Amino acid sequence: MARSRDWRDAVGRLDGASGAYGRMVDLDWQERGGPAVSPPTRRGFGTRLVERSIEADLSGHVDLRFEPGGLVCRISIPLPADALRTSRA
């Protein structure tokens, strides 16, 4: 994703770890350096789409926080048992 040089900086991190639900992939996203952010008065189409697709289709979890400095998002998705196995020909 291209970053805007005008007003916003985004930092992302992707981790794989074992947790209470087995092996998980955690994606952390934090925006900063832009105009002040406040929680929306309603959940829009994009928010609902992200939440429903991650939670229903991937059995994951989405945590969205609208902090004054920018959006903070954590997406956690369980990995299938064989997700990191590679086949050798």
N, C-alpha and C. Protein backbone atom coordinates (compact mmCIF):
# COMPACT_ATOMS: atom_id res chain seq x y z
N MET A 1 0.84 -1.18 0.00
CA MET A 1 0.00 0.00 0.00
C MET A 1 0.88 1.24 0.00
N ALA A 2 0.59 2.18 -0.81
CA ALA A 2 1.34 3.43 -0.86
C ALA A 2 0.96 4.29 0.34
N ARG A 3 1.94 4.96 0.89
CA ARG A 3 1.68 5.83 2.02
C ARG A 3 1.58 7.27 1.53
N SER A 4 0.63 7.97 2.05
CA SER A 4 0.47 9.37 1.71
C SER A 4 1.53 10.19 2.42
N ARG A 5 2.19 11.06 1.73
CA ARG A 5 3.18 11.92 2.35
C ARG A 5 2.57 13.22 2.85
N ASP A 6 1.30 13.42 2.55
CA ASP A 6 0.66 14.67 2.92
C ASP A 6 0.35 14.75 4.41
N TRP A 7 -0.24 13.70 4.97
CA TRP A 7 -0.70 13.87 6.34
C TRP A 7 -0.77 12.60 7.17
N ARG A 8 -0.58 11.45 6.62
CA ARG A 8 -0.78 10.23 7.39
C ARG A 8 0.39 9.28 7.21
N ASP A 9 0.76 8.64 8.30
CA ASP A 9 1.78 7.60 8.29
C ASP A 9 1.15 6.35 8.87
N ALA A 10 1.38 5.22 8.28
CA ALA A 10 0.80 3.97 8.78
C ALA A 10 1.93 2.99 9.06
N VAL A 11 1.81 2.28 10.15
CA VAL A 11 2.79 1.27 10.53
C VAL A 11 2.05 -0.04 10.68
N GLY A 12 2.56 -1.08 10.06
CA GLY A 12 1.95 -2.39 10.18
C GLY A 12 2.95 -3.41 10.66
N ARG A 13 2.47 -4.44 11.34
CA ARG A 13 3.32 -5.52 11.81
C ARG A 13 2.55 -6.82 11.67
N LEU A 14 3.22 -7.86 11.22
CA LEU A 14 2.60 -9.17 11.05
C LEU A 14 3.39 -10.17 11.87
N ASP A 15 2.70 -10.87 12.78
CA ASP A 15 3.34 -11.86 13.64
C ASP A 15 2.63 -13.18 13.54
N GLY A 16 3.36 -14.25 13.74
CA GLY A 16 2.78 -15.57 13.88
C GLY A 16 3.13 -16.08 15.27
N ALA A 17 2.17 -16.58 16.00
CA ALA A 17 2.41 -17.02 17.36
C ALA A 17 1.42 -18.10 17.75
N SER A 18 1.75 -18.80 18.80
CA SER A 18 0.82 -19.77 19.39
C SER A 18 0.15 -19.10 20.57
N GLY A 19 -1.15 -19.28 20.66
CA GLY A 19 -1.90 -18.68 21.75
C GLY A 19 -2.92 -19.65 22.29
N ALA A 20 -3.88 -19.12 23.01
CA ALA A 20 -4.91 -19.93 23.63
C ALA A 20 -5.71 -20.71 22.59
N TYR A 21 -5.80 -20.22 21.37
CA TYR A 21 -6.59 -20.87 20.33
C TYR A 21 -5.71 -21.58 19.31
N GLY A 22 -4.48 -21.85 19.64
CA GLY A 22 -3.56 -22.49 18.71
C GLY A 22 -2.69 -21.46 18.01
N ARG A 23 -2.20 -21.79 16.85
CA ARG A 23 -1.33 -20.87 16.11
C ARG A 23 -2.16 -19.78 15.46
N MET A 24 -1.71 -18.56 15.61
CA MET A 24 -2.45 -17.40 15.11
C MET A 24 -1.54 -16.52 14.27
N VAL A 25 -2.14 -15.78 13.36
CA VAL A 25 -1.47 -14.70 12.65
C VAL A 25 -2.11 -13.42 13.17
N ASP A 26 -1.28 -12.51 13.66
CA ASP A 26 -1.76 -11.22 14.16
C ASP A 26 -1.25 -10.12 13.25
N LEU A 27 -2.15 -9.30 12.77
CA LEU A 27 -1.80 -8.14 11.96
C LEU A 27 -2.15 -6.90 12.77
N ASP A 28 -1.13 -6.12 13.10
CA ASP A 28 -1.34 -4.86 13.83
C ASP A 28 -1.14 -3.69 12.87
N TRP A 29 -2.06 -2.77 12.88
CA TRP A 29 -2.04 -1.61 11.98
C TRP A 29 -2.29 -0.36 12.81
N GLN A 30 -1.42 0.64 12.67
CA GLN A 30 -1.60 1.87 13.42
C GLN A 30 -1.33 3.06 12.52
N GLU A 31 -2.29 3.95 12.46
CA GLU A 31 -2.12 5.19 11.71
C GLU A 31 -1.73 6.29 12.68
N ARG A 32 -0.90 7.20 12.21
CA ARG A 32 -0.49 8.31 13.06
C ARG A 32 -0.05 9.47 12.18
N GLY A 33 -0.03 10.66 12.80
CA GLY A 33 0.45 11.83 12.09
C GLY A 33 -0.59 12.54 11.25
N GLY A 34 -1.83 12.14 11.36
CA GLY A 34 -2.89 12.76 10.58
C GLY A 34 -3.75 13.64 11.46
N PRO A 35 -4.87 14.05 10.93
CA PRO A 35 -5.79 14.84 11.75
C PRO A 35 -6.36 14.00 12.88
N ALA A 36 -6.86 14.65 13.90
CA ALA A 36 -7.44 13.94 15.04
C ALA A 36 -8.57 13.02 14.58
N VAL A 37 -8.66 11.86 15.19
CA VAL A 37 -9.67 10.86 14.85
C VAL A 37 -10.62 10.71 16.03
N SER A 38 -11.88 10.50 15.73
CA SER A 38 -12.85 10.20 16.78
C SER A 38 -13.67 9.01 16.32
N PRO A 39 -14.20 8.25 17.27
CA PRO A 39 -15.01 7.09 16.88
C PRO A 39 -16.20 7.52 16.02
N PRO A 40 -16.53 6.75 15.00
CA PRO A 40 -17.68 7.09 14.16
C PRO A 40 -18.98 6.94 14.94
N THR A 41 -19.98 7.66 14.51
CA THR A 41 -21.29 7.57 15.17
C THR A 41 -22.04 6.30 14.76
N ARG A 42 -21.62 5.68 13.65
CA ARG A 42 -22.22 4.41 13.23
C ARG A 42 -21.16 3.61 12.48
N ARG A 43 -21.36 2.31 12.43
CA ARG A 43 -20.43 1.46 11.68
C ARG A 43 -20.85 1.46 10.22
N GLY A 44 -19.92 1.82 9.36
CA GLY A 44 -20.21 1.88 7.94
C GLY A 44 -20.00 0.55 7.25
N PHE A 45 -20.21 0.56 5.95
CA PHE A 45 -20.11 -0.66 5.13
C PHE A 45 -18.72 -1.28 5.23
N GLY A 46 -17.68 -0.47 5.12
CA GLY A 46 -16.32 -0.99 5.14
C GLY A 46 -15.98 -1.66 6.46
N THR A 47 -16.37 -1.05 7.56
CA THR A 47 -16.12 -1.63 8.88
C THR A 47 -16.85 -2.95 9.03
N ARG A 48 -18.11 -2.97 8.65
CA ARG A 48 -18.89 -4.21 8.75
C ARG A 48 -18.31 -5.30 7.84
N LEU A 49 -17.88 -4.92 6.64
CA LEU A 49 -17.30 -5.89 5.71
C LEU A 49 -16.04 -6.52 6.29
N VAL A 50 -15.15 -5.70 6.84
CA VAL A 50 -13.91 -6.23 7.43
C VAL A 50 -14.24 -7.14 8.61
N GLU A 51 -15.08 -6.67 9.52
CA GLU A 51 -15.42 -7.46 10.70
C GLU A 51 -16.06 -8.78 10.32
N ARG A 52 -17.05 -8.74 9.47
CA ARG A 52 -17.78 -9.97 9.12
C ARG A 52 -16.92 -10.95 8.32
N SER A 53 -16.13 -10.45 7.40
CA SER A 53 -15.33 -11.37 6.59
C SER A 53 -14.23 -12.04 7.43
N ILE A 54 -13.58 -11.28 8.30
CA ILE A 54 -12.55 -11.87 9.15
C ILE A 54 -13.18 -12.83 10.16
N GLU A 55 -14.25 -12.42 10.80
CA GLU A 55 -14.85 -13.23 11.85
C GLU A 55 -15.62 -14.43 11.29
N ALA A 56 -16.41 -14.25 10.25
CA ALA A 56 -17.22 -15.35 9.72
C ALA A 56 -16.44 -16.26 8.77
N ASP A 57 -15.70 -15.68 7.85
CA ASP A 57 -15.01 -16.48 6.84
C ASP A 57 -13.71 -17.09 7.33
N LEU A 58 -13.02 -16.39 8.23
CA LEU A 58 -11.71 -16.86 8.67
C LEU A 58 -11.65 -17.25 10.14
N SER A 59 -12.78 -17.19 10.83
CA SER A 59 -12.86 -17.50 12.26
C SER A 59 -11.88 -16.67 13.08
N GLY A 60 -11.67 -15.44 12.66
CA GLY A 60 -10.73 -14.56 13.34
C GLY A 60 -11.43 -13.52 14.19
N HIS A 61 -10.66 -12.52 14.58
CA HIS A 61 -11.16 -11.45 15.43
C HIS A 61 -10.58 -10.12 14.96
N VAL A 62 -11.41 -9.08 14.97
CA VAL A 62 -10.99 -7.73 14.59
C VAL A 62 -11.23 -6.80 15.77
N ASP A 63 -10.21 -6.01 16.11
CA ASP A 63 -10.34 -4.99 17.15
C ASP A 63 -9.99 -3.66 16.51
N LEU A 64 -10.97 -2.77 16.37
CA LEU A 64 -10.76 -1.43 15.81
C LEU A 64 -10.89 -0.41 16.93
N ARG A 65 -9.87 0.43 17.06
CA ARG A 65 -9.93 1.51 18.05
C ARG A 65 -9.64 2.82 17.34
N PHE A 66 -10.55 3.75 17.50
CA PHE A 66 -10.40 5.07 16.89
C PHE A 66 -9.82 6.00 17.94
N GLU A 67 -8.49 5.99 18.06
CA GLU A 67 -7.81 6.82 19.03
C GLU A 67 -7.57 8.20 18.44
N PRO A 68 -7.40 9.22 19.28
CA PRO A 68 -7.21 10.58 18.76
C PRO A 68 -6.07 10.70 17.75
N GLY A 69 -5.01 9.93 17.92
CA GLY A 69 -3.87 10.01 17.01
C GLY A 69 -4.03 9.23 15.72
N GLY A 70 -5.07 8.41 15.62
CA GLY A 70 -5.29 7.63 14.41
C GLY A 70 -5.89 6.27 14.70
N LEU A 71 -6.30 5.59 13.66
CA LEU A 71 -6.90 4.28 13.77
C LEU A 71 -5.87 3.26 14.24
N VAL A 72 -6.25 2.40 15.16
CA VAL A 72 -5.45 1.26 15.58
C VAL A 72 -6.28 0.02 15.34
N CYS A 73 -5.74 -0.93 14.60
CA CYS A 73 -6.48 -2.13 14.23
C CYS A 73 -5.62 -3.35 14.50
N ARG A 74 -6.23 -4.36 15.11
CA ARG A 74 -5.58 -5.66 15.27
C ARG A 74 -6.50 -6.71 14.69
N ILE A 75 -5.96 -7.52 13.79
CA ILE A 75 -6.68 -8.63 13.19
C ILE A 75 -5.94 -9.90 13.58
N SER A 76 -6.66 -10.84 14.17
CA SER A 76 -6.09 -12.13 14.56
C SER A 76 -6.83 -13.23 13.82
N ILE A 77 -6.06 -14.10 13.16
CA ILE A 77 -6.64 -15.17 12.35
C ILE A 77 -5.96 -16.48 12.73
N PRO A 78 -6.73 -17.52 13.07
CA PRO A 78 -6.12 -18.81 13.39
C PRO A 78 -5.55 -19.47 12.13
N LEU A 79 -4.42 -20.13 12.30
CA LEU A 79 -3.79 -20.84 11.20
C LEU A 79 -4.21 -22.31 11.22
N PRO A 80 -4.50 -22.88 10.07
CA PRO A 80 -4.73 -24.33 10.02
C PRO A 80 -3.45 -25.06 10.44
N ALA A 81 -3.58 -26.26 10.94
CA ALA A 81 -2.44 -27.03 11.45
C ALA A 81 -1.33 -27.18 10.42
N ASP A 82 -1.68 -27.29 9.14
CA ASP A 82 -0.66 -27.52 8.11
C ASP A 82 -0.29 -26.25 7.33
N ALA A 83 -0.61 -25.08 7.86
CA ALA A 83 -0.43 -23.83 7.10
C ALA A 83 1.01 -23.53 6.75
N LEU A 84 1.96 -23.92 7.59
CA LEU A 84 3.35 -23.55 7.34
C LEU A 84 4.18 -24.69 6.77
N ARG A 85 3.54 -25.82 6.49
CA ARG A 85 4.25 -26.93 5.87
C ARG A 85 4.48 -26.64 4.40
N THR A 86 5.62 -27.02 3.92
CA THR A 86 5.92 -26.86 2.50
C THR A 86 6.08 -28.23 1.87
N SER A 87 5.61 -28.38 0.67
CA SER A 87 5.78 -29.65 -0.03
C SER A 87 7.09 -29.62 -0.79
N ARG A 88 7.72 -30.76 -0.84
CA ARG A 88 8.99 -30.88 -1.56
C ARG A 88 8.78 -31.84 -2.72
N ALA A 89 9.20 -31.41 -3.87
CA ALA A 89 9.01 -32.24 -5.07
C ALA A 89 10.10 -33.27 -5.20
